[in-house]
Structures are given as structure tokens and as C-alpha cells.
Amino acid sequence: MLRKLLLFGKKYALTLMGIIIGAIIGYIYWQQIGCSSGSCAITSSPVNSTIYGAIMGGAFLSLFIKEKKAV
């Protein structure tokens, strides 16, 4: 079980790092810029902004994962 978890973490380390960094940036964006009127769907709530940042960060850094080709 632990071995499978370590292999998963090693395989998707870049994506997991992107999720964490994106979540932090999303929260900071809400805190510093945000939407004071409440009419913005993403930036009006810290939860929405953090989740959106995590998704975008994970998606962006997952682009740089190199797949091993089967011979």
C-alpha cells in the first residue's frame, strides 16, 4: 500500500506541486484583488478562487510530464 502511494507521488509529483502552488496563488489572488461586489463567480469567494487556482496550477504543470513510450 505504501509502495503504491510512493509510486503515485513520484509519478504525479509535478501535478501535485502545481495543485499546491495554484491553490496558494488562487487564495492570494482572492485576498489581494478579489471581487468586493460579490458578482464575480470565481473571485468572490476564497474557496472558489483557491479551487480554481488549484485546478489551473495542476493542469498547467501536468503539461510538462513526459510519458514513457512503450517500445
C-alpha atoms as a PDB file:
ATOM      1  CA  MET A   1       0.000   0.000   0.000  1.00  0.00           C
ATOM      2  CA  LEU A   2       2.740   2.440   0.966  1.00  0.00           C
ATOM      3  CA  ARG A   3       4.761   1.465  -2.087  1.00  0.00           C
ATOM      4  CA  LYS A   4       1.823   2.212  -4.393  1.00  0.00           C
ATOM      5  CA  LEU A   5       1.356   5.581  -2.710  1.00  0.00           C
ATOM      6  CA  LEU A   6       5.033   6.440  -3.154  1.00  0.00           C
ATOM      7  CA  LEU A   7       4.929   5.434  -6.822  1.00  0.00           C
ATOM      8  CA  PHE A   8       1.826   7.565  -7.323  1.00  0.00           C
ATOM      9  CA  GLY A   9       3.516  10.516  -5.653  1.00  0.00           C
ATOM     10  CA  LYS A  10       6.637  10.111  -7.745  1.00  0.00           C
ATOM     11  CA  LYS A  11       4.689   9.790 -10.998  1.00  0.00           C
ATOM     12  CA  TYR A  12       2.458  12.799 -10.370  1.00  0.00           C
ATOM     13  CA  ALA A  13       4.810  14.945  -8.277  1.00  0.00           C
ATOM     14  CA  LEU A  14       4.790  17.792 -10.777  1.00  0.00           C
ATOM     15  CA  THR A  15       0.997  17.835 -10.969  1.00  0.00           C
ATOM     16  CA  LEU A  16       0.657  17.726  -7.169  1.00  0.00           C
ATOM     17  CA  MET A  17       3.132  20.578  -6.867  1.00  0.00           C
ATOM     18  CA  GLY A  18       1.094  22.552  -9.396  1.00  0.00           C
ATOM     19  CA  ILE A  19      -2.086  21.946  -7.407  1.00  0.00           C
ATOM     20  CA  ILE A  20      -0.485  23.208  -4.204  1.00  0.00           C
ATOM     21  CA  ILE A  21       1.133  26.246  -5.814  1.00  0.00           C
ATOM     22  CA  GLY A  22      -2.044  27.062  -7.747  1.00  0.00           C
ATOM     23  CA  ALA A  23      -4.172  26.856  -4.609  1.00  0.00           C
ATOM     24  CA  ILE A  24      -1.840  29.236  -2.788  1.00  0.00           C
ATOM     25  CA  ILE A  25      -1.814  31.682  -5.703  1.00  0.00           C
ATOM     26  CA  GLY A  26      -5.611  31.462  -6.012  1.00  0.00           C
ATOM     27  CA  TYR A  27      -6.058  32.303  -2.350  1.00  0.00           C
ATOM     28  CA  ILE A  28      -3.573  35.181  -2.511  1.00  0.00           C
ATOM     29  CA  TYR A  29      -5.353  36.496  -5.605  1.00  0.00           C
ATOM     30  CA  TRP A  30      -8.673  36.480  -3.736  1.00  0.00           C
ATOM     31  CA  GLN A  31      -7.095  38.167  -0.729  1.00  0.00           C
ATOM     32  CA  GLN A  32      -5.259  40.894  -2.632  1.00  0.00           C
ATOM     33  CA  ILE A  33      -7.522  41.563  -5.635  1.00  0.00           C
ATOM     34  CA  GLY A  34     -10.759  39.619  -5.213  1.00  0.00           C
ATOM     35  CA  CYS A  35     -14.210  40.923  -6.011  1.00  0.00           C
ATOM     36  CA  SER A  36     -15.779  43.253  -3.495  1.00  0.00           C
ATOM     37  CA  SER A  37     -19.225  43.363  -5.105  1.00  0.00           C
ATOM     38  CA  GLY A  38     -19.766  39.606  -4.920  1.00  0.00           C
ATOM     39  CA  SER A  39     -20.877  39.358  -8.538  1.00  0.00           C
ATOM     40  CA  CYS A  40     -17.723  37.588  -9.728  1.00  0.00           C
ATOM     41  CA  ALA A  41     -18.216  33.833  -9.802  1.00  0.00           C
ATOM     42  CA  ILE A  42     -14.624  32.808  -9.126  1.00  0.00           C
ATOM     43  CA  THR A  43     -13.045  35.617  -7.133  1.00  0.00           C
ATOM     44  CA  SER A  44     -15.934  36.490  -4.822  1.00  0.00           C
ATOM     45  CA  SER A  45     -15.236  33.533  -2.527  1.00  0.00           C
ATOM     46  CA  PRO A  46     -11.886  32.318  -1.169  1.00  0.00           C
ATOM     47  CA  VAL A  47     -12.970  28.700  -1.647  1.00  0.00           C
ATOM     48  CA  ASN A  48     -13.856  29.197  -5.313  1.00  0.00           C
ATOM     49  CA  SER A  49     -10.677  31.123  -6.005  1.00  0.00           C
ATOM     50  CA  THR A  50      -8.499  28.530  -4.248  1.00  0.00           C
ATOM     51  CA  ILE A  51     -10.113  25.591  -6.060  1.00  0.00           C
ATOM     52  CA  TYR A  52      -9.856  27.358  -9.414  1.00  0.00           C
ATOM     53  CA  GLY A  53      -6.183  28.121  -8.783  1.00  0.00           C
ATOM     54  CA  ALA A  54      -5.513  24.512  -7.799  1.00  0.00           C
ATOM     55  CA  ILE A  55      -7.158  23.179 -10.951  1.00  0.00           C
ATOM     56  CA  MET A  56      -5.319  25.636 -13.197  1.00  0.00           C
ATOM     57  CA  GLY A  57      -1.970  25.002 -11.488  1.00  0.00           C
ATOM     58  CA  GLY A  58      -2.337  21.238 -11.705  1.00  0.00           C
ATOM     59  CA  ALA A  59      -3.436  21.371 -15.323  1.00  0.00           C
ATOM     60  CA  PHE A  60      -0.592  23.697 -16.285  1.00  0.00           C
ATOM     61  CA  LEU A  61       2.224  21.754 -14.654  1.00  0.00           C
ATOM     62  CA  SER A  62       0.836  18.418 -15.853  1.00  0.00           C
ATOM     63  CA  LEU A  63       1.655  19.592 -19.376  1.00  0.00           C
ATOM     64  CA  PHE A  64       5.343  19.133 -18.581  1.00  0.00           C
ATOM     65  CA  ILE A  65       5.129  15.457 -17.573  1.00  0.00           C
ATOM     66  CA  LYS A  66       6.941  13.268 -20.065  1.00  0.00           C
ATOM     67  CA  GLU A  67       5.200   9.998 -20.833  1.00  0.00           C
ATOM     68  CA  LYS A  68       7.299   6.875 -21.307  1.00  0.00           C
ATOM     69  CA  LYS A  69       6.738   5.360 -24.715  1.00  0.00           C
ATOM     70  CA  ALA A  70       6.334   1.600 -24.994  1.00  0.00           C
ATOM     71  CA  VAL A  71       8.694   0.010 -27.467  1.00  0.00           C
END
